Amino acid sequence: MNIIEIKNLSKSLQNHPIIKDIDLEIQKGEIITLVGPSGSGKSTLLRCLNRLIEPDQGTIQFENKDYFNIPITTLRKNIVMVPQESVMFPGTIHDNIAFGLNIHGIKDETIIVKSIIDAGLSESFLKKNAEKISGGEKKRVSLARALAIQPKVLLLDEPTSGVDPKNIETVEQNIKSFTKQRHLTVIWVTHDIQQAKRVSRRIANLKDGKITTVQNVKDFKWEVAY
């Protein structure tokens, strides 16, 4: 069953085509990775899916509903993006994770605690100053902030960039674990083919703004990667 269906999606920035006639079906409950060289349109596609930017043409269906008929606050509660740059708001980690919940009028400490633990940090982190933690920890707090909203779809843009190399596979396992526990769908952007093969069931390859192949991991061939 598809949770998202993308057809003929295109977007230009400053009159330069970034994504071109993208067709892609995302299956409910899967982790699918988007791979390709820098500038191939991976992050732009994610931003269109979260309506941080609007496509120039094409259609997107979410749970068989037209994206553009869904109130944007409802859409962004269900489809949450974790950007590559982990921006922390002033205050504690608790304040940062509660930020999205406050927007939606939700007050539930158990959600905050579960989210920080699912993201791979201990409950003791909640009292720390969010602006004074490491880059890798900020990544995990960003994940926890997204999880707290209890979305249906996570858009992850290079979620392990800035993470200590010895901890990357731990973060990957955390993401795979909470994805399964929470019945989430994940669209994961990565430049690392090996990571894509470790974490996902399908790999979509982008080149020059177009999806050239979508392959099951077991069938993935190196020569079509770039």
Foldseek 3Di string as FASTA:
>chain_A
DFQKWWFQWWADDPPHTQAGGETDTFRFLFEEEEAEDPSLNQVVVLCCQLPVDPTPDTFMAGNNHTPVVDPSLVSCLAEPELAPQLDADWAALLCRLCVNVVVVPHDDVVLLQVLLVLLPHHPVRRHDGLVPDARLSSLSSSRSSSCSSLHQEYEYEPSCVRPDPVCSVVSLVSVLVVSVVSSHGYYYYDHDPVSSLVRGQWYFAGGNNYTPDIGGSVPDDPVVRD
